Amino acid sequence: MELAAIITVIAIALAFDYTNGFHDAANAIATSVSTRALTPRAALGMAAVFNLVGAFLGTKVASTVGSGIIEPPRGLLVIFAALVGAIIWNLVTWYYGLPSSSSHALIGGLVGAALAASETVKWAGVLDKVVIPMVVSPIVGFTLAGLLMYGLLWAFRGANQHKAMRGFRRAQIVSAAAMALGHGLQDAQKTMGVIVLALIIGGYQTGFNVPWWVILLAAGALSAGTYAGGWRIMRTLGRRIIALDPPRGFAAEATAASVLYTTAFIFAAPISTTQTITSSILGVGATRRRSAVRWGVAGNILVAWVLTIPMAGLMAAASFYLLNPILN
């Protein structure tokens, strides 16, 4: 296998990682920016740094993506087409300001490209590591965020309002950093898994251990994309779903970060940071009053969630069909 083909696939994987960064930057900082706990540029800088750090904290999710979704295909075109499909869907949803899942776009791309190439999809792995967490994690995020918010409302029911708000703004700096760390832990690993899979197909590696230089490249691309910022989606998460205050912003971020750490370290499941933080925002919003949440916006987000895997899969399959006659 030509080295040029490997380098091309790695380059497109890093391009996906970059789009993942600016597409999902809002996941880490939208709430802290909307409550004015941090300025937008300071928040992006902090998120970029913690994305970089988070990427070095583990590789379990990378192994799941690299070995648990599809069997290693016979050619690199499958991986290339999968990445193209994921990038296209990321750009479409970014343009419309919809916080869809980059993780599910990548997984949908892998499945779609593999099916187009008549390769083997590990459906049991897709069910256990993707579909079930995709359904369960938003429910857990919504429920835990709501419970935490009720607990905070009770604990600070007699506190001075001005002092409490100031304290929660400071706490949000910590919770936003924790969220950015979880984003790096989860999302950078998905790109690592794809790059390792490409190295195995090309004969440059035999196991699914992630080399240090792959970690560094994936972490750097995600961090750079995050610093570029995703302002369209940031407005959706920070303002259009619900008008957040510092306590609710803190509760949403703390809950989402906890879910990300648990699924990465314990279950090695590549869950969506977008779904996790969005469902947590909905959970804390529902504690105010039902009408405080703009359910129409939430419904549009839900449609994007449902469509992400099949649409990214279709785009990846189309990419494979278009490129296969040209390259073979």
C-alpha atoms as a PDB file:
ATOM      1  CA  MET A   1       0.000   0.000   0.000  1.00  0.00           C
ATOM      2  CA  GLU A   2       1.422   3.338  -1.035  1.00  0.00           C
ATOM      3  CA  LEU A   3       2.542   5.628   1.729  1.00  0.00           C
ATOM      4  CA  ALA A   4       0.840   8.526  -0.072  1.00  0.00           C
ATOM      5  CA  ALA A   5      -2.557   6.861   0.394  1.00  0.00           C
ATOM      6  CA  ILE A   6      -1.965   6.468   4.138  1.00  0.00           C
ATOM      7  CA  ILE A   7      -0.885  10.099   4.453  1.00  0.00           C
ATOM      8  CA  THR A   8      -3.985  11.231   2.521  1.00  0.00           C
ATOM      9  CA  VAL A   9      -6.323   9.315   4.817  1.00  0.00           C
ATOM     10  CA  ILE A  10      -4.565  10.655   7.915  1.00  0.00           C
ATOM     11  CA  ALA A  11      -4.865  14.181   6.521  1.00  0.00           C
ATOM     12  CA  ILE A  12      -8.607  13.810   5.894  1.00  0.00           C
ATOM     13  CA  ALA A  13      -9.006  12.270   9.368  1.00  0.00           C
ATOM     14  CA  LEU A  14      -7.356  15.340  10.887  1.00  0.00           C
ATOM     15  CA  ALA A  15      -9.608  17.554   8.753  1.00  0.00           C
ATOM     16  CA  PHE A  16     -12.597  15.740  10.253  1.00  0.00           C
ATOM     17  CA  ASP A  17     -11.087  16.218  13.703  1.00  0.00           C
ATOM     18  CA  TYR A  18     -10.779  19.948  13.029  1.00  0.00           C
ATOM     19  CA  THR A  19     -14.434  20.204  11.948  1.00  0.00           C
ATOM     20  CA  ASN A  20     -15.323  18.210  15.053  1.00  0.00           C
ATOM     21  CA  GLY A  21     -13.527  20.832  17.126  1.00  0.00           C
ATOM     22  CA  PHE A  22     -15.250  23.930  15.749  1.00  0.00           C
ATOM     23  CA  HIS A  23     -18.582  22.094  15.391  1.00  0.00           C
ATOM     24  CA  ASP A  24     -18.513  20.938  19.024  1.00  0.00           C
ATOM     25  CA  ALA A  25     -16.738  23.898  20.642  1.00  0.00           C
ATOM     26  CA  ALA A  26     -20.140  24.995  21.893  1.00  0.00           C
ATOM     27  CA  ASN A  27     -20.467  21.780  23.901  1.00  0.00           C
ATOM     28  CA  ALA A  28     -17.796  22.900  26.329  1.00  0.00           C
ATOM     29  CA  ILE A  29     -18.350  26.631  26.590  1.00  0.00           C
ATOM     30  CA  ALA A  30     -21.801  27.727  25.373  1.00  0.00           C
ATOM     31  CA  THR A  31     -23.307  27.706  28.844  1.00  0.00           C
ATOM     32  CA  SER A  32     -20.447  29.578  30.538  1.00  0.00           C
ATOM     33  CA  VAL A  33     -20.395  32.193  27.756  1.00  0.00           C
ATOM     34  CA  SER A  34     -24.172  32.689  27.812  1.00  0.00           C
ATOM     35  CA  THR A  35     -24.130  33.267  31.584  1.00  0.00           C
ATOM     36  CA  ARG A  36     -21.102  35.592  31.209  1.00  0.00           C
ATOM     37  CA  ALA A  37     -18.943  33.484  33.472  1.00  0.00           C
ATOM     38  CA  LEU A  38     -16.298  33.692  30.718  1.00  0.00           C
ATOM     39  CA  THR A  39     -15.723  35.889  27.697  1.00  0.00           C
ATOM     40  CA  PRO A  40     -16.047  34.023  24.377  1.00  0.00           C
ATOM     41  CA  ARG A  41     -12.346  34.219  23.496  1.00  0.00           C
ATOM     42  CA  ALA A  42     -11.170  33.254  26.990  1.00  0.00           C
ATOM     43  CA  ALA A  43     -13.616  30.353  26.996  1.00  0.00           C
ATOM     44  CA  LEU A  44     -12.391  29.116  23.600  1.00  0.00           C
ATOM     45  CA  GLY A  45      -8.771  29.337  24.695  1.00  0.00           C
ATOM     46  CA  MET A  46      -9.479  27.396  27.878  1.00  0.00           C
ATOM     47  CA  ALA A  47     -11.501  24.801  25.975  1.00  0.00           C
ATOM     48  CA  ALA A  48      -8.718  24.328  23.428  1.00  0.00           C
ATOM     49  CA  VAL A  49      -6.149  23.716  26.170  1.00  0.00           C
ATOM     50  CA  PHE A  50      -8.326  21.238  28.056  1.00  0.00           C
ATOM     51  CA  ASN A  51      -9.284  19.471  24.818  1.00  0.00           C
ATOM     52  CA  LEU A  52      -5.571  18.944  24.260  1.00  0.00           C
ATOM     53  CA  VAL A  53      -5.041  17.597  27.775  1.00  0.00           C
ATOM     54  CA  GLY A  54      -8.140  15.378  27.664  1.00  0.00           C
ATOM     55  CA  ALA A  55      -6.950  13.648  24.513  1.00  0.00           C
ATOM     56  CA  PHE A  56      -3.997  12.187  26.429  1.00  0.00           C
ATOM     57  CA  LEU A  57      -6.078  10.661  29.237  1.00  0.00           C
ATOM     58  CA  GLY A  58      -7.060   7.379  27.600  1.00  0.00           C
ATOM     59  CA  THR A  59      -7.459   5.293  24.438  1.00  0.00           C
ATOM     60  CA  LYS A  60     -10.326   2.902  25.239  1.00  0.00           C
ATOM     61  CA  VAL A  61     -12.780   4.792  23.050  1.00  0.00           C
ATOM     62  CA  ALA A  62     -10.232   4.836  20.215  1.00  0.00           C
ATOM     63  CA  SER A  63     -10.047   1.049  20.358  1.00  0.00           C
ATOM     64  CA  THR A  64     -13.855   0.811  20.199  1.00  0.00           C
ATOM     65  CA  VAL A  65     -14.036   3.018  17.108  1.00  0.00           C
ATOM     66  CA  GLY A  66     -11.078   1.332  15.403  1.00  0.00           C
ATOM     67  CA  SER A  67     -12.017  -2.279  16.084  1.00  0.00           C
ATOM     68  CA  GLY A  68     -15.597  -2.431  17.372  1.00  0.00           C
ATOM     69  CA  ILE A  69     -17.682  -0.923  14.544  1.00  0.00           C
ATOM     70  CA  ILE A  70     -16.471  -2.562  11.310  1.00  0.00           C
ATOM     71  CA  GLU A  71     -13.993  -5.276  10.398  1.00  0.00           C
ATOM     72  CA  PRO A  72     -10.768  -3.852   8.921  1.00  0.00           C
ATOM     73  CA  PRO A  73     -11.751  -3.336   5.260  1.00  0.00           C
ATOM     74  CA  ARG A  74      -9.699  -4.443   2.283  1.00  0.00           C
ATOM     75  CA  GLY A  75      -8.850  -0.930   1.181  1.00  0.00           C
ATOM     76  CA  LEU A  76      -8.363   2.584   2.499  1.00  0.00           C
ATOM     77  CA  LEU A  77     -11.143   3.976   0.301  1.00  0.00           C
ATOM     78  CA  VAL A  78     -13.709   2.811   2.860  1.00  0.00           C
ATOM     79  CA  ILE A  79     -12.053   4.906   5.571  1.00  0.00           C
ATOM     80  CA  PHE A  80     -11.647   7.873   3.225  1.00  0.00           C
ATOM     81  CA  ALA A  81     -15.315   7.760   2.171  1.00  0.00           C
ATOM     82  CA  ALA A  82     -16.443   7.416   5.798  1.00  0.00           C
ATOM     83  CA  LEU A  83     -14.524  10.552   6.766  1.00  0.00           C
ATOM     84  CA  VAL A  84     -15.852  12.499   3.769  1.00  0.00           C
ATOM     85  CA  GLY A  85     -19.430  11.601   4.704  1.00  0.00           C
ATOM     86  CA  ALA A  86     -18.878  12.662   8.313  1.00  0.00           C
ATOM     87  CA  ILE A  87     -17.264  15.954   7.304  1.00  0.00           C
ATOM     88  CA  ILE A  88     -20.102  16.825   4.919  1.00  0.00           C
ATOM     89  CA  TRP A  89     -22.740  16.189   7.597  1.00  0.00           C
ATOM     90  CA  ASN A  90     -20.758  18.215  10.140  1.00  0.00           C
ATOM     91  CA  LEU A  91     -20.640  21.172   7.744  1.00  0.00           C
ATOM     92  CA  VAL A  92     -24.349  20.923   6.879  1.00  0.00           C
ATOM     93  CA  THR A  93     -25.452  20.889  10.523  1.00  0.00           C
ATOM     94  CA  TRP A  94     -22.940  23.613  11.435  1.00  0.00           C
ATOM     95  CA  TYR A  95     -24.354  25.839   8.668  1.00  0.00           C
ATOM     96  CA  TYR A  96     -27.864  25.494  10.087  1.00  0.00           C
ATOM     97  CA  GLY A  97     -26.677  25.875  13.685  1.00  0.00           C
ATOM     98  CA  LEU A  98     -27.834  22.389  14.711  1.00  0.00           C
ATOM     99  CA  PRO A  99     -25.809  20.708  17.484  1.00  0.00           C
ATOM    100  CA  SER A 100     -25.649  17.249  15.924  1.00  0.00           C
ATOM    101  CA  SER A 101     -23.150  14.589  16.950  1.00  0.00           C
ATOM    102  CA  SER A 102     -19.752  14.477  15.221  1.00  0.00           C
ATOM    103  CA  SER A 103     -19.224  11.101  16.884  1.00  0.00           C
ATOM    104  CA  HIS A 104     -22.330   9.610  15.352  1.00  0.00           C
ATOM    105  CA  ALA A 105     -21.499  11.223  12.010  1.00  0.00           C
ATOM    106  CA  LEU A 106     -18.187   9.359  12.007  1.00  0.00           C
ATOM    107  CA  ILE A 107     -19.770   6.073  13.050  1.00  0.00           C
ATOM    108  CA  GLY A 108     -22.528   6.484  10.472  1.00  0.00           C
ATOM    109  CA  GLY A 109     -19.863   7.194   7.874  1.00  0.00           C
ATOM    110  CA  LEU A 110     -17.951   4.030   8.761  1.00  0.00           C
ATOM    111  CA  VAL A 111     -21.087   1.883   8.578  1.00  0.00           C
ATOM    112  CA  GLY A 112     -22.308   3.464   5.327  1.00  0.00           C
ATOM    113  CA  ALA A 113     -18.962   3.177   3.566  1.00  0.00           C
ATOM    114  CA  ALA A 114     -18.504  -0.424   4.756  1.00  0.00           C
ATOM    115  CA  LEU A 115     -21.940  -1.428   3.471  1.00  0.00           C
ATOM    116  CA  ALA A 116     -21.273   0.257   0.121  1.00  0.00           C
ATOM    117  CA  ALA A 117     -18.019  -1.695  -0.176  1.00  0.00           C
ATOM    118  CA  SER A 118     -19.643  -4.972   0.952  1.00  0.00           C
ATOM    119  CA  GLU A 119     -17.415  -5.076   4.018  1.00  0.00           C
ATOM    120  CA  THR A 120     -18.416  -6.514   7.404  1.00  0.00           C
ATOM    121  CA  VAL A 121     -20.204  -4.317   9.931  1.00  0.00           C
ATOM    122  CA  LYS A 122     -20.088  -5.468  13.554  1.00  0.00           C
ATOM    123  CA  TRP A 123     -23.764  -4.914  14.294  1.00  0.00           C
ATOM    124  CA  ALA A 124     -23.462  -6.213  17.852  1.00  0.00           C
ATOM    125  CA  GLY A 125     -20.778  -3.605  18.537  1.00  0.00           C
ATOM    126  CA  VAL A 126     -22.880  -0.876  16.905  1.00  0.00           C
ATOM    127  CA  LEU A 127     -25.824  -1.826  19.127  1.00  0.00           C
ATOM    128  CA  ASP A 128     -23.849  -2.160  22.382  1.00  0.00           C
ATOM    129  CA  LYS A 129     -21.410   0.727  21.971  1.00  0.00           C
ATOM    130  CA  VAL A 130     -23.408   3.193  19.865  1.00  0.00           C
ATOM    131  CA  VAL A 131     -27.176   2.714  19.751  1.00  0.00           C
ATOM    132  CA  ILE A 132     -27.781   1.882  23.413  1.00  0.00           C
ATOM    133  CA  PRO A 133     -25.503   4.689  24.727  1.00  0.00           C
ATOM    134  CA  MET A 134     -27.079   7.050  22.161  1.00  0.00           C
ATOM    135  CA  VAL A 135     -30.489   6.427  23.738  1.00  0.00           C
ATOM    136  CA  VAL A 136     -29.425   6.105  27.369  1.00  0.00           C
ATOM    137  CA  SER A 137     -26.915   8.973  27.737  1.00  0.00           C
ATOM    138  CA  PRO A 138     -29.367  11.816  26.943  1.00  0.00           C
ATOM    139  CA  ILE A 139     -31.913  10.343  29.351  1.00  0.00           C
ATOM    140  CA  VAL A 140     -29.264  10.066  32.062  1.00  0.00           C
ATOM    141  CA  GLY A 141     -28.000  13.601  31.340  1.00  0.00           C
ATOM    142  CA  PHE A 142     -31.520  15.073  31.455  1.00  0.00           C
ATOM    143  CA  THR A 143     -32.451  13.260  34.667  1.00  0.00           C
ATOM    144  CA  LEU A 144     -29.218  13.823  36.607  1.00  0.00           C
ATOM    145  CA  ALA A 145     -29.006  17.485  35.601  1.00  0.00           C
ATOM    146  CA  GLY A 146     -32.557  18.060  36.769  1.00  0.00           C
ATOM    147  CA  LEU A 147     -31.915  16.307  40.088  1.00  0.00           C
ATOM    148  CA  LEU A 148     -28.690  18.241  40.650  1.00  0.00           C
ATOM    149  CA  MET A 149     -30.481  21.505  39.900  1.00  0.00           C
ATOM    150  CA  TYR A 150     -33.254  20.707  42.368  1.00  0.00           C
ATOM    151  CA  GLY A 151     -30.566  19.910  44.946  1.00  0.00           C
ATOM    152  CA  LEU A 152     -28.819  23.236  44.333  1.00  0.00           C
ATOM    153  CA  LEU A 153     -32.104  25.149  44.558  1.00  0.00           C
ATOM    154  CA  TRP A 154     -32.806  23.538  47.916  1.00  0.00           C
ATOM    155  CA  ALA A 155     -29.249  23.946  49.255  1.00  0.00           C
ATOM    156  CA  PHE A 156     -29.059  27.658  48.348  1.00  0.00           C
ATOM    157  CA  ARG A 157     -32.696  28.564  49.016  1.00  0.00           C
ATOM    158  CA  GLY A 158     -31.744  31.020  51.766  1.00  0.00           C
ATOM    159  CA  ALA A 159     -28.506  32.333  50.259  1.00  0.00           C
ATOM    160  CA  ASN A 160     -27.860  35.918  49.237  1.00  0.00           C
ATOM    161  CA  GLN A 161     -28.804  36.056  45.556  1.00  0.00           C
ATOM    162  CA  HIS A 162     -25.938  38.309  44.458  1.00  0.00           C
ATOM    163  CA  LYS A 163     -23.253  36.305  46.279  1.00  0.00           C
ATOM    164  CA  ALA A 164     -24.684  32.987  45.072  1.00  0.00           C
ATOM    165  CA  MET A 165     -24.667  34.083  41.437  1.00  0.00           C
ATOM    166  CA  ARG A 166     -21.108  35.345  41.709  1.00  0.00           C
ATOM    167  CA  GLY A 167     -20.035  32.048  43.270  1.00  0.00           C
ATOM    168  CA  PHE A 168     -21.710  29.978  40.559  1.00  0.00           C
ATOM    169  CA  ARG A 169     -20.059  32.051  37.840  1.00  0.00           C
ATOM    170  CA  ARG A 170     -16.699  31.132  39.348  1.00  0.00           C
ATOM    171  CA  ALA A 171     -17.771  27.500  39.675  1.00  0.00           C
ATOM    172  CA  GLN A 172     -18.711  27.530  36.006  1.00  0.00           C
ATOM    173  CA  ILE A 173     -15.103  28.143  35.054  1.00  0.00           C
ATOM    174  CA  VAL A 174     -14.265  24.807  36.692  1.00  0.00           C
ATOM    175  CA  SER A 175     -17.268  22.976  35.222  1.00  0.00           C
ATOM    176  CA  ALA A 176     -16.559  24.361  31.721  1.00  0.00           C
ATOM    177  CA  ALA A 177     -12.954  23.161  32.014  1.00  0.00           C
ATOM    178  CA  ALA A 178     -14.208  19.733  33.106  1.00  0.00           C
ATOM    179  CA  MET A 179     -16.557  19.635  30.129  1.00  0.00           C
ATOM    180  CA  ALA A 180     -13.745  20.592  27.728  1.00  0.00           C
ATOM    181  CA  LEU A 181     -11.554  17.888  29.253  1.00  0.00           C
ATOM    182  CA  GLY A 182     -14.319  15.327  28.691  1.00  0.00           C
ATOM    183  CA  HIS A 183     -14.760  16.531  25.118  1.00  0.00           C
ATOM    184  CA  GLY A 184     -11.065  15.975  24.435  1.00  0.00           C
ATOM    185  CA  LEU A 185     -11.182  12.593  26.162  1.00  0.00           C
ATOM    186  CA  GLN A 186     -14.109  11.419  24.031  1.00  0.00           C
ATOM    187  CA  ASP A 187     -13.858  13.078  20.650  1.00  0.00           C
ATOM    188  CA  ALA A 188     -10.121  13.101  19.944  1.00  0.00           C
ATOM    189  CA  GLN A 189     -10.060   9.352  20.529  1.00  0.00           C
ATOM    190  CA  LYS A 190     -12.527   8.725  17.720  1.00  0.00           C
ATOM    191  CA  THR A 191     -10.132  10.209  15.201  1.00  0.00           C
ATOM    192  CA  MET A 192      -7.273   8.253  16.768  1.00  0.00           C
ATOM    193  CA  GLY A 193      -9.233   5.033  16.235  1.00  0.00           C
ATOM    194  CA  VAL A 194      -9.779   5.782  12.546  1.00  0.00           C
ATOM    195  CA  ILE A 195      -6.105   6.629  11.971  1.00  0.00           C
ATOM    196  CA  VAL A 196      -4.989   3.408  13.688  1.00  0.00           C
ATOM    197  CA  LEU A 197      -7.465   1.451  11.550  1.00  0.00           C
ATOM    198  CA  ALA A 198      -5.934   3.031   8.438  1.00  0.00           C
ATOM    199  CA  LEU A 199      -2.424   2.104   9.618  1.00  0.00           C
ATOM    200  CA  ILE A 200      -3.511  -1.495  10.122  1.00  0.00           C
ATOM    201  CA  ILE A 201      -5.096  -1.673   6.655  1.00  0.00           C
ATOM    202  CA  GLY A 202      -1.938  -0.215   5.133  1.00  0.00           C
ATOM    203  CA  GLY A 203       0.270  -2.758   6.905  1.00  0.00           C
ATOM    204  CA  TYR A 204       2.059  -0.191   9.069  1.00  0.00           C
ATOM    205  CA  GLN A 205       0.671  -1.533  12.357  1.00  0.00           C
ATOM    206  CA  THR A 206      -0.682  -4.844  13.646  1.00  0.00           C
ATOM    207  CA  GLY A 207      -2.506  -4.056  16.923  1.00  0.00           C
ATOM    208  CA  PHE A 208      -4.915  -1.358  18.039  1.00  0.00           C
ATOM    209  CA  ASN A 209      -2.481   0.391  20.370  1.00  0.00           C
ATOM    210  CA  VAL A 210      -2.482   4.119  19.653  1.00  0.00           C
ATOM    211  CA  PRO A 211       1.011   5.524  18.899  1.00  0.00           C
ATOM    212  CA  TRP A 212       1.995   8.710  20.706  1.00  0.00           C
ATOM    213  CA  TRP A 213       2.234  10.691  17.466  1.00  0.00           C
ATOM    214  CA  VAL A 214      -1.353   9.776  16.543  1.00  0.00           C
ATOM    215  CA  ILE A 215      -2.528  11.051  19.940  1.00  0.00           C
ATOM    216  CA  LEU A 216      -0.570  14.268  19.419  1.00  0.00           C
ATOM    217  CA  LEU A 217      -1.940  14.877  15.913  1.00  0.00           C
ATOM    218  CA  ALA A 218      -5.540  14.146  16.862  1.00  0.00           C
ATOM    219  CA  ALA A 219      -5.321  16.250  20.017  1.00  0.00           C
ATOM    220  CA  GLY A 220      -3.792  19.159  18.127  1.00  0.00           C
ATOM    221  CA  ALA A 221      -6.378  19.120  15.322  1.00  0.00           C
ATOM    222  CA  LEU A 222      -9.308  18.967  17.742  1.00  0.00           C
ATOM    223  CA  SER A 223      -7.825  21.713  19.889  1.00  0.00           C
ATOM    224  CA  ALA A 224      -7.201  23.967  16.876  1.00  0.00           C
ATOM    225  CA  GLY A 225     -10.747  23.433  15.644  1.00  0.00           C
ATOM    226  CA  THR A 226     -12.145  24.233  19.065  1.00  0.00           C
ATOM    227  CA  TYR A 227     -10.212  27.485  19.233  1.00  0.00           C
ATOM    228  CA  ALA A 228     -11.616  28.436  15.802  1.00  0.00           C
ATOM    229  CA  GLY A 229     -15.019  28.361  17.481  1.00  0.00           C
ATOM    230  CA  GLY A 230     -18.496  27.303  16.396  1.00  0.00           C
ATOM    231  CA  TRP A 231     -20.535  30.450  16.953  1.00  0.00           C
ATOM    232  CA  ARG A 232     -23.665  29.308  15.121  1.00  0.00           C
ATOM    233  CA  ILE A 233     -24.113  26.251  17.331  1.00  0.00           C
ATOM    234  CA  MET A 234     -22.996  28.178  20.414  1.00  0.00           C
ATOM    235  CA  ARG A 235     -25.978  30.490  20.018  1.00  0.00           C
ATOM    236  CA  THR A 236     -28.322  27.504  19.801  1.00  0.00           C
ATOM    237  CA  LEU A 237     -27.005  25.803  22.931  1.00  0.00           C
ATOM    238  CA  GLY A 238     -26.406  28.929  24.990  1.00  0.00           C
ATOM    239  CA  ARG A 239     -29.475  31.013  24.179  1.00  0.00           C
ATOM    240  CA  ARG A 240     -32.081  29.433  21.936  1.00  0.00           C
ATOM    241  CA  ILE A 241     -32.974  26.369  24.052  1.00  0.00           C
ATOM    242  CA  ILE A 242     -33.345  28.250  27.351  1.00  0.00           C
ATOM    243  CA  ALA A 243     -32.082  31.433  28.964  1.00  0.00           C
ATOM    244  CA  LEU A 244     -29.488  29.978  31.325  1.00  0.00           C
ATOM    245  CA  ASP A 245     -28.356  31.448  34.628  1.00  0.00           C
ATOM    246  CA  PRO A 246     -25.045  30.527  36.368  1.00  0.00           C
ATOM    247  CA  PRO A 247     -26.474  27.809  38.682  1.00  0.00           C
ATOM    248  CA  ARG A 248     -28.175  26.043  35.771  1.00  0.00           C
ATOM    249  CA  GLY A 249     -25.113  26.435  33.580  1.00  0.00           C
ATOM    250  CA  PHE A 250     -22.956  24.888  36.305  1.00  0.00           C
ATOM    251  CA  ALA A 251     -25.387  22.000  36.867  1.00  0.00           C
ATOM    252  CA  ALA A 252     -25.587  21.226  33.131  1.00  0.00           C
ATOM    253  CA  GLU A 253     -21.816  21.258  32.624  1.00  0.00           C
ATOM    254  CA  ALA A 254     -21.040  19.265  35.771  1.00  0.00           C
ATOM    255  CA  THR A 255     -23.566  16.592  34.845  1.00  0.00           C
ATOM    256  CA  ALA A 256     -22.459  16.312  31.223  1.00  0.00           C
ATOM    257  CA  ALA A 257     -18.776  16.073  32.183  1.00  0.00           C
ATOM    258  CA  SER A 258     -19.543  13.287  34.664  1.00  0.00           C
ATOM    259  CA  VAL A 259     -21.399  11.285  32.009  1.00  0.00           C
ATOM    260  CA  LEU A 260     -18.516  11.719  29.530  1.00  0.00           C
ATOM    261  CA  TYR A 261     -15.904  10.490  32.025  1.00  0.00           C
ATOM    262  CA  THR A 262     -18.004   7.493  33.083  1.00  0.00           C
ATOM    263  CA  THR A 263     -18.699   6.288  29.560  1.00  0.00           C
ATOM    264  CA  ALA A 264     -15.083   6.779  28.419  1.00  0.00           C
ATOM    265  CA  PHE A 265     -13.261   5.201  31.370  1.00  0.00           C
ATOM    266  CA  ILE A 266     -15.727   2.468  32.380  1.00  0.00           C
ATOM    267  CA  PHE A 267     -17.737   1.517  29.281  1.00  0.00           C
ATOM    268  CA  ALA A 268     -15.338   2.619  26.475  1.00  0.00           C
ATOM    269  CA  ALA A 269     -18.417   3.876  24.645  1.00  0.00           C
ATOM    270  CA  PRO A 270     -18.042   6.647  22.035  1.00  0.00           C
ATOM    271  CA  ILE A 271     -21.003   8.743  23.165  1.00  0.00           C
ATOM    272  CA  SER A 272     -21.999  12.126  21.811  1.00  0.00           C
ATOM    273  CA  THR A 273     -20.769  15.124  23.777  1.00  0.00           C
ATOM    274  CA  THR A 274     -23.390  17.170  21.922  1.00  0.00           C
ATOM    275  CA  GLN A 275     -26.286  14.994  23.025  1.00  0.00           C
ATOM    276  CA  THR A 276     -24.982  14.847  26.569  1.00  0.00           C
ATOM    277  CA  ILE A 277     -24.666  18.603  27.131  1.00  0.00           C
ATOM    278  CA  THR A 278     -27.881  19.405  25.237  1.00  0.00           C
ATOM    279  CA  SER A 279     -29.941  16.943  27.266  1.00  0.00           C
ATOM    280  CA  SER A 280     -28.357  18.307  30.459  1.00  0.00           C
ATOM    281  CA  ILE A 281     -29.350  21.850  29.452  1.00  0.00           C
ATOM    282  CA  LEU A 282     -32.890  20.628  28.831  1.00  0.00           C
ATOM    283  CA  GLY A 283     -32.867  18.920  32.240  1.00  0.00           C
ATOM    284  CA  VAL A 284     -31.885  22.040  34.174  1.00  0.00           C
ATOM    285  CA  GLY A 285     -34.277  24.133  32.083  1.00  0.00           C
ATOM    286  CA  ALA A 286     -37.209  21.911  32.941  1.00  0.00           C
ATOM    287  CA  THR A 287     -36.713  22.674  36.657  1.00  0.00           C
ATOM    288  CA  ARG A 288     -37.702  26.301  36.059  1.00  0.00           C
ATOM    289  CA  ARG A 289     -40.995  25.670  34.318  1.00  0.00           C
ATOM    290  CA  ARG A 290     -41.994  23.634  31.318  1.00  0.00           C
ATOM    291  CA  SER A 291     -42.604  26.701  29.170  1.00  0.00           C
ATOM    292  CA  ALA A 292     -39.086  28.027  29.885  1.00  0.00           C
ATOM    293  CA  VAL A 293     -37.656  25.512  27.433  1.00  0.00           C
ATOM    294  CA  ARG A 294     -38.107  26.266  23.749  1.00  0.00           C
ATOM    295  CA  TRP A 295     -39.321  22.804  22.856  1.00  0.00           C
ATOM    296  CA  GLY A 296     -39.564  23.653  19.149  1.00  0.00           C
ATOM    297  CA  VAL A 297     -35.795  24.229  19.039  1.00  0.00           C
ATOM    298  CA  ALA A 298     -35.305  21.044  21.073  1.00  0.00           C
ATOM    299  CA  GLY A 299     -37.440  19.170  18.532  1.00  0.00           C
ATOM    300  CA  ASN A 300     -35.253  20.377  15.641  1.00  0.00           C
ATOM    301  CA  ILE A 301     -32.181  19.189  17.526  1.00  0.00           C
ATOM    302  CA  LEU A 302     -33.811  15.787  18.104  1.00  0.00           C
ATOM    303  CA  VAL A 303     -34.498  15.439  14.373  1.00  0.00           C
ATOM    304  CA  ALA A 304     -30.816  16.178  13.653  1.00  0.00           C
ATOM    305  CA  TRP A 305     -29.796  13.542  16.202  1.00  0.00           C
ATOM    306  CA  VAL A 306     -32.013  10.899  14.614  1.00  0.00           C
ATOM    307  CA  LEU A 307     -30.849  11.728  11.087  1.00  0.00           C
ATOM    308  CA  THR A 308     -27.115  11.949  11.798  1.00  0.00           C
ATOM    309  CA  ILE A 309     -26.115   8.276  11.528  1.00  0.00           C
ATOM    310  CA  PRO A 310     -28.220   7.431   8.436  1.00  0.00           C
ATOM    311  CA  MET A 311     -27.459  10.706   6.617  1.00  0.00           C
ATOM    312  CA  ALA A 312     -23.707  10.513   7.277  1.00  0.00           C
ATOM    313  CA  GLY A 313     -23.895   6.872   6.188  1.00  0.00           C
ATOM    314  CA  LEU A 314     -25.644   7.791   2.938  1.00  0.00           C
ATOM    315  CA  MET A 315     -23.103  10.527   2.208  1.00  0.00           C
ATOM    316  CA  ALA A 316     -20.231   8.132   2.907  1.00  0.00           C
ATOM    317  CA  ALA A 317     -21.776   5.465   0.667  1.00  0.00           C
ATOM    318  CA  ALA A 318     -22.270   8.016  -2.125  1.00  0.00           C
ATOM    319  CA  SER A 319     -18.645   9.114  -1.740  1.00  0.00           C
ATOM    320  CA  PHE A 320     -17.494   5.506  -2.038  1.00  0.00           C
ATOM    321  CA  TYR A 321     -19.580   4.890  -5.178  1.00  0.00           C
ATOM    322  CA  LEU A 322     -18.290   8.080  -6.795  1.00  0.00           C
ATOM    323  CA  LEU A 323     -14.623   7.519  -5.956  1.00  0.00           C
ATOM    324  CA  ASN A 324     -14.349   3.772  -6.442  1.00  0.00           C
ATOM    325  CA  PRO A 325     -14.463   3.805 -10.286  1.00  0.00           C
ATOM    326  CA  ILE A 326     -11.915   6.629 -10.361  1.00  0.00           C
ATOM    327  CA  LEU A 327      -9.373   5.085  -7.988  1.00  0.00           C
ATOM    328  CA  ASN A 328      -9.743   1.443  -9.019  1.00  0.00           C
END
